[in-house]
Amino acid sequence: MDKTTLKTQVIEIESKKNFLIELLEKPNLGNLRIDVNQALEELDELMDEFHEVFPEEKK
């Protein structure tokens, strides 16, 4: 995978964060809330690491 493709895919993944946040606000998630929280935490970690490697991509 080349650098441009990697950047494009990670930025696309980052754009999905709002969906997870909106999903977390729904009252009827039940046990799924744990998985959504975990996904948000892992997404934040991924983005931190991505911005360490590609600081020019930081918003």
PDB file of N, CA and C in Angstrom:
ATOM      1  N   MET A   1       0.857  -1.170   0.000  1.00  0.00           N
ATOM      2  CA  MET A   1       0.000   0.000   0.000  1.00  0.00           C
ATOM      3  C   MET A   1       0.903   1.233   0.000  1.00  0.00           C
ATOM      4  N   ASP A   2       0.604   2.156  -0.870  1.00  0.00           N
ATOM      5  CA  ASP A   2       1.433   3.356  -0.925  1.00  0.00           C
ATOM      6  C   ASP A   2       0.942   4.412   0.077  1.00  0.00           C
ATOM      7  N   LYS A   3       1.759   5.412   0.265  1.00  0.00           N
ATOM      8  CA  LYS A   3       1.507   6.457   1.265  1.00  0.00           C
ATOM      9  C   LYS A   3       0.197   7.204   0.995  1.00  0.00           C
ATOM     10  N   THR A   4      -0.067   7.534  -0.234  1.00  0.00           N
ATOM     11  CA  THR A   4      -1.278   8.276  -0.584  1.00  0.00           C
ATOM     12  C   THR A   4      -2.533   7.468  -0.306  1.00  0.00           C
ATOM     13  N   THR A   5      -2.511   6.202  -0.649  1.00  0.00           N
ATOM     14  CA  THR A   5      -3.660   5.330  -0.396  1.00  0.00           C
ATOM     15  C   THR A   5      -3.910   5.191   1.100  1.00  0.00           C
ATOM     16  N   LEU A   6      -2.846   5.014   1.858  1.00  0.00           N
ATOM     17  CA  LEU A   6      -2.974   4.893   3.305  1.00  0.00           C
ATOM     18  C   LEU A   6      -3.589   6.154   3.903  1.00  0.00           C
ATOM     19  N   LYS A   7      -3.087   7.306   3.513  1.00  0.00           N
ATOM     20  CA  LYS A   7      -3.628   8.572   4.022  1.00  0.00           C
ATOM     21  C   LYS A   7      -5.105   8.710   3.690  1.00  0.00           C
ATOM     22  N   THR A   8      -5.455   8.394   2.456  1.00  0.00           N
ATOM     23  CA  THR A   8      -6.842   8.515   2.014  1.00  0.00           C
ATOM     24  C   THR A   8      -7.756   7.613   2.830  1.00  0.00           C
ATOM     25  N   GLN A   9      -7.339   6.394   3.051  1.00  0.00           N
ATOM     26  CA  GLN A   9      -8.174   5.445   3.785  1.00  0.00           C
ATOM     27  C   GLN A   9      -8.309   5.824   5.256  1.00  0.00           C
ATOM     28  N   VAL A  10      -7.234   6.280   5.870  1.00  0.00           N
ATOM     29  CA  VAL A  10      -7.308   6.664   7.283  1.00  0.00           C
ATOM     30  C   VAL A  10      -8.182   7.899   7.455  1.00  0.00           C
ATOM     31  N   ILE A  11      -8.070   8.849   6.549  1.00  0.00           N
ATOM     32  CA  ILE A  11      -8.921  10.044   6.623  1.00  0.00           C
ATOM     33  C   ILE A  11     -10.390   9.673   6.431  1.00  0.00           C
ATOM     34  N   GLU A  12     -10.658   8.726   5.562  1.00  0.00           N
ATOM     35  CA  GLU A  12     -12.034   8.258   5.363  1.00  0.00           C
ATOM     36  C   GLU A  12     -12.564   7.595   6.637  1.00  0.00           C
ATOM     37  N   ILE A  13     -11.732   6.797   7.283  1.00  0.00           N
ATOM     38  CA  ILE A  13     -12.127   6.153   8.541  1.00  0.00           C
ATOM     39  C   ILE A  13     -12.419   7.211   9.598  1.00  0.00           C
ATOM     40  N   GLU A  14     -11.574   8.238   9.657  1.00  0.00           N
ATOM     41  CA  GLU A  14     -11.765   9.307  10.642  1.00  0.00           C
ATOM     42  C   GLU A  14     -13.108  10.016  10.432  1.00  0.00           C
ATOM     43  N   SER A  15     -13.539  10.121   9.197  1.00  0.00           N
ATOM     44  CA  SER A  15     -14.803  10.797   8.909  1.00  0.00           C
ATOM     45  C   SER A  15     -16.010  10.033   9.461  1.00  0.00           C
ATOM     46  N   LYS A  16     -15.835   8.774   9.790  1.00  0.00           N
ATOM     47  CA  LYS A  16     -16.929   7.950  10.325  1.00  0.00           C
ATOM     48  C   LYS A  16     -17.117   8.144  11.831  1.00  0.00           C
ATOM     49  N   LYS A  17     -16.238   8.894  12.453  1.00  0.00           N
ATOM     50  CA  LYS A  17     -16.299   9.063  13.910  1.00  0.00           C
ATOM     51  C   LYS A  17     -17.621   9.688  14.349  1.00  0.00           C
ATOM     52  N   ASN A  18     -18.116  10.665  13.600  1.00  0.00           N
ATOM     53  CA  ASN A  18     -19.386  11.305  13.970  1.00  0.00           C
ATOM     54  C   ASN A  18     -20.532  10.307  14.005  1.00  0.00           C
ATOM     55  N   PHE A  19     -20.513   9.330  13.100  1.00  0.00           N
ATOM     56  CA  PHE A  19     -21.549   8.303  13.108  1.00  0.00           C
ATOM     57  C   PHE A  19     -21.517   7.528  14.425  1.00  0.00           C
ATOM     58  N   LEU A  20     -20.315   7.163  14.871  1.00  0.00           N
ATOM     59  CA  LEU A  20     -20.192   6.427  16.131  1.00  0.00           C
ATOM     60  C   LEU A  20     -20.661   7.271  17.312  1.00  0.00           C
ATOM     61  N   ILE A  21     -20.341   8.544  17.290  1.00  0.00           N
ATOM     62  CA  ILE A  21     -20.770   9.433  18.376  1.00  0.00           C
ATOM     63  C   ILE A  21     -22.291   9.542  18.408  1.00  0.00           C
ATOM     64  N   GLU A  22     -22.904   9.690  17.234  1.00  0.00           N
ATOM     65  CA  GLU A  22     -24.366   9.747  17.161  1.00  0.00           C
ATOM     66  C   GLU A  22     -24.984   8.435  17.627  1.00  0.00           C
ATOM     67  N   LEU A  23     -24.375   7.338  17.263  1.00  0.00           N
ATOM     68  CA  LEU A  23     -24.870   6.029  17.677  1.00  0.00           C
ATOM     69  C   LEU A  23     -24.802   5.890  19.194  1.00  0.00           C
ATOM     70  N   LEU A  24     -23.751   6.402  19.782  1.00  0.00           N
ATOM     71  CA  LEU A  24     -23.574   6.321  21.227  1.00  0.00           C
ATOM     72  C   LEU A  24     -24.663   7.095  21.978  1.00  0.00           C
ATOM     73  N   GLU A  25     -25.221   8.101  21.354  1.00  0.00           N
ATOM     74  CA  GLU A  25     -26.249   8.927  21.992  1.00  0.00           C
ATOM     75  C   GLU A  25     -27.627   8.270  21.993  1.00  0.00           C
ATOM     76  N   LYS A  26     -27.771   7.187  21.265  1.00  0.00           N
ATOM     77  CA  LYS A  26     -29.070   6.504  21.224  1.00  0.00           C
ATOM     78  C   LYS A  26     -29.301   5.759  22.548  1.00  0.00           C
ATOM     79  N   PRO A  27     -30.489   5.903  23.115  1.00  0.00           N
ATOM     80  CA  PRO A  27     -30.751   5.323  24.438  1.00  0.00           C
ATOM     81  C   PRO A  27     -30.936   3.801  24.449  1.00  0.00           C
ATOM     82  N   ASN A  28     -31.206   3.189  23.317  1.00  0.00           N
ATOM     83  CA  ASN A  28     -31.542   1.759  23.307  1.00  0.00           C
ATOM     84  C   ASN A  28     -30.393   0.871  22.831  1.00  0.00           C
ATOM     85  N   LEU A  29     -29.162   1.268  23.078  1.00  0.00           N
ATOM     86  CA  LEU A  29     -28.017   0.483  22.605  1.00  0.00           C
ATOM     87  C   LEU A  29     -27.755  -0.763  23.432  1.00  0.00           C
ATOM     88  N   GLY A  30     -28.056  -0.696  24.699  1.00  0.00           N
ATOM     89  CA  GLY A  30     -27.801  -1.845  25.566  1.00  0.00           C
ATOM     90  C   GLY A  30     -26.315  -2.172  25.637  1.00  0.00           C
ATOM     91  N   ASN A  31     -25.979  -3.461  25.497  1.00  0.00           N
ATOM     92  CA  ASN A  31     -24.588  -3.905  25.581  1.00  0.00           C
ATOM     93  C   ASN A  31     -23.737  -3.426  24.409  1.00  0.00           C
ATOM     94  N   LEU A  32     -24.381  -3.043  23.319  1.00  0.00           N
ATOM     95  CA  LEU A  32     -23.651  -2.548  22.155  1.00  0.00           C
ATOM     96  C   LEU A  32     -22.901  -1.257  22.485  1.00  0.00           C
ATOM     97  N   ARG A  33     -23.348  -0.543  23.502  1.00  0.00           N
ATOM     98  CA  ARG A  33     -22.700   0.703  23.931  1.00  0.00           C
ATOM     99  C   ARG A  33     -21.222   0.454  24.267  1.00  0.00           C
ATOM    100  N   ILE A  34     -20.923  -0.685  24.852  1.00  0.00           N
ATOM    101  CA  ILE A  34     -19.534  -1.031  25.192  1.00  0.00           C
ATOM    102  C   ILE A  34     -18.697  -1.133  23.917  1.00  0.00           C
ATOM    103  N   ASP A  35     -19.228  -1.783  22.898  1.00  0.00           N
ATOM    104  CA  ASP A  35     -18.509  -1.941  21.634  1.00  0.00           C
ATOM    105  C   ASP A  35     -18.303  -0.603  20.929  1.00  0.00           C
ATOM    106  N   VAL A  36     -19.311   0.257  20.977  1.00  0.00           N
ATOM    107  CA  VAL A  36     -19.194   1.563  20.338  1.00  0.00           C
ATOM    108  C   VAL A  36     -18.142   2.401  21.061  1.00  0.00           C
ATOM    109  N   ASN A  37     -18.141   2.357  22.386  1.00  0.00           N
ATOM    110  CA  ASN A  37     -17.114   3.070  23.157  1.00  0.00           C
ATOM    111  C   ASN A  37     -15.724   2.560  22.801  1.00  0.00           C
ATOM    112  N   GLN A  38     -15.592   1.252  22.707  1.00  0.00           N
ATOM    113  CA  GLN A  38     -14.300   0.651  22.351  1.00  0.00           C
ATOM    114  C   GLN A  38     -13.853   1.091  20.957  1.00  0.00           C
ATOM    115  N   ALA A  39     -14.785   1.116  20.027  1.00  0.00           N
ATOM    116  CA  ALA A  39     -14.463   1.544  18.663  1.00  0.00           C
ATOM    117  C   ALA A  39     -13.994   2.998  18.650  1.00  0.00           C
ATOM    118  N   LEU A  40     -14.643   3.852  19.422  1.00  0.00           N
ATOM    119  CA  LEU A  40     -14.230   5.260  19.494  1.00  0.00           C
ATOM    120  C   LEU A  40     -12.835   5.405  20.099  1.00  0.00           C
ATOM    121  N   GLU A  41     -12.564   4.645  21.145  1.00  0.00           N
ATOM    122  CA  GLU A  41     -11.237   4.692  21.765  1.00  0.00           C
ATOM    123  C   GLU A  41     -10.156   4.241  20.782  1.00  0.00           C
ATOM    124  N   GLU A  42     -10.423   3.164  20.083  1.00  0.00           N
ATOM    125  CA  GLU A  42      -9.444   2.651  19.122  1.00  0.00           C
ATOM    126  C   GLU A  42      -9.271   3.601  17.931  1.00  0.00           C
ATOM    127  N   LEU A  43     -10.337   4.232  17.524  1.00  0.00           N
ATOM    128  CA  LEU A  43     -10.248   5.214  16.449  1.00  0.00           C
ATOM    129  C   LEU A  43      -9.393   6.404  16.875  1.00  0.00           C
ATOM    130  N   ASP A  44      -9.579   6.855  18.108  1.00  0.00           N
ATOM    131  CA  ASP A  44      -8.758   7.956  18.625  1.00  0.00           C
ATOM    132  C   ASP A  44      -7.280   7.567  18.674  1.00  0.00           C
ATOM    133  N   GLU A  45      -7.005   6.345  19.103  1.00  0.00           N
ATOM    134  CA  GLU A  45      -5.618   5.874  19.146  1.00  0.00           C
ATOM    135  C   GLU A  45      -5.028   5.797  17.735  1.00  0.00           C
ATOM    136  N   LEU A  46      -5.802   5.277  16.792  1.00  0.00           N
ATOM    137  CA  LEU A  46      -5.355   5.189  15.403  1.00  0.00           C
ATOM    138  C   LEU A  46      -5.021   6.574  14.864  1.00  0.00           C
ATOM    139  N   MET A  47      -5.888   7.534  15.126  1.00  0.00           N
ATOM    140  CA  MET A  47      -5.662   8.880  14.611  1.00  0.00           C
ATOM    141  C   MET A  47      -4.452   9.530  15.272  1.00  0.00           C
ATOM    142  N   ASP A  48      -4.246   9.299  16.560  1.00  0.00           N
ATOM    143  CA  ASP A  48      -3.052   9.826  17.237  1.00  0.00           C
ATOM    144  C   ASP A  48      -1.786   9.280  16.583  1.00  0.00           C
ATOM    145  N   GLU A  49      -1.759   7.979  16.347  1.00  0.00           N
ATOM    146  CA  GLU A  49      -0.596   7.363  15.720  1.00  0.00           C
ATOM    147  C   GLU A  49      -0.418   7.853  14.284  1.00  0.00           C
ATOM    148  N   PHE A  50      -1.512   8.002  13.567  1.00  0.00           N
ATOM    149  CA  PHE A  50      -1.451   8.484  12.191  1.00  0.00           C
ATOM    150  C   PHE A  50      -0.847   9.890  12.145  1.00  0.00           C
ATOM    151  N   HIS A  51      -1.283  10.746  13.064  1.00  0.00           N
ATOM    152  CA  HIS A  51      -0.790  12.125  13.079  1.00  0.00           C
ATOM    153  C   HIS A  51       0.663  12.215  13.572  1.00  0.00           C
ATOM    154  N   GLU A  52       1.097  11.236  14.316  1.00  0.00           N
ATOM    155  CA  GLU A  52       2.522  11.189  14.682  1.00  0.00           C
ATOM    156  C   GLU A  52       3.378  10.880  13.454  1.00  0.00           C
ATOM    157  N   VAL A  53       2.891   9.972  12.624  1.00  0.00           N
ATOM    158  CA  VAL A  53       3.646   9.565  11.436  1.00  0.00           C
ATOM    159  C   VAL A  53       3.515  10.603  10.314  1.00  0.00           C
ATOM    160  N   PHE A  54       2.310  11.187  10.193  1.00  0.00           N
ATOM    161  CA  PHE A  54       2.042  12.170   9.142  1.00  0.00           C
ATOM    162  C   PHE A  54       1.559  13.475   9.779  1.00  0.00           C
ATOM    163  N   PRO A  55       2.429  14.227  10.424  1.00  0.00           N
ATOM    164  CA  PRO A  55       1.991  15.445  11.113  1.00  0.00           C
ATOM    165  C   PRO A  55       1.379  16.479  10.168  1.00  0.00           C
ATOM    166  N   GLU A  56       1.715  16.423   8.912  1.00  0.00           N
ATOM    167  CA  GLU A  56       1.174  17.391   7.955  1.00  0.00           C
ATOM    168  C   GLU A  56      -0.316  17.165   7.696  1.00  0.00           C
ATOM    169  N   GLU A  57      -0.846  16.020   8.103  1.00  0.00           N
ATOM    170  CA  GLU A  57      -2.259  15.700   7.899  1.00  0.00           C
ATOM    171  C   GLU A  57      -3.131  16.120   9.078  1.00  0.00           C
ATOM    172  N   LYS A  58      -2.532  16.673  10.094  1.00  0.00           N
ATOM    173  CA  LYS A  58      -3.283  17.066  11.280  1.00  0.00           C
ATOM    174  C   LYS A  58      -4.217  18.223  10.927  1.00  0.00           C
ATOM    175  N   LYS A  59      -5.437  18.136  11.386  1.00  0.00           N
ATOM    176  CA  LYS A  59      -6.434  19.177  11.083  1.00  0.00           C
ATOM    177  C   LYS A  59      -6.246  20.368  11.974  1.00  0.00           C
TER     178      LYS A  59
END
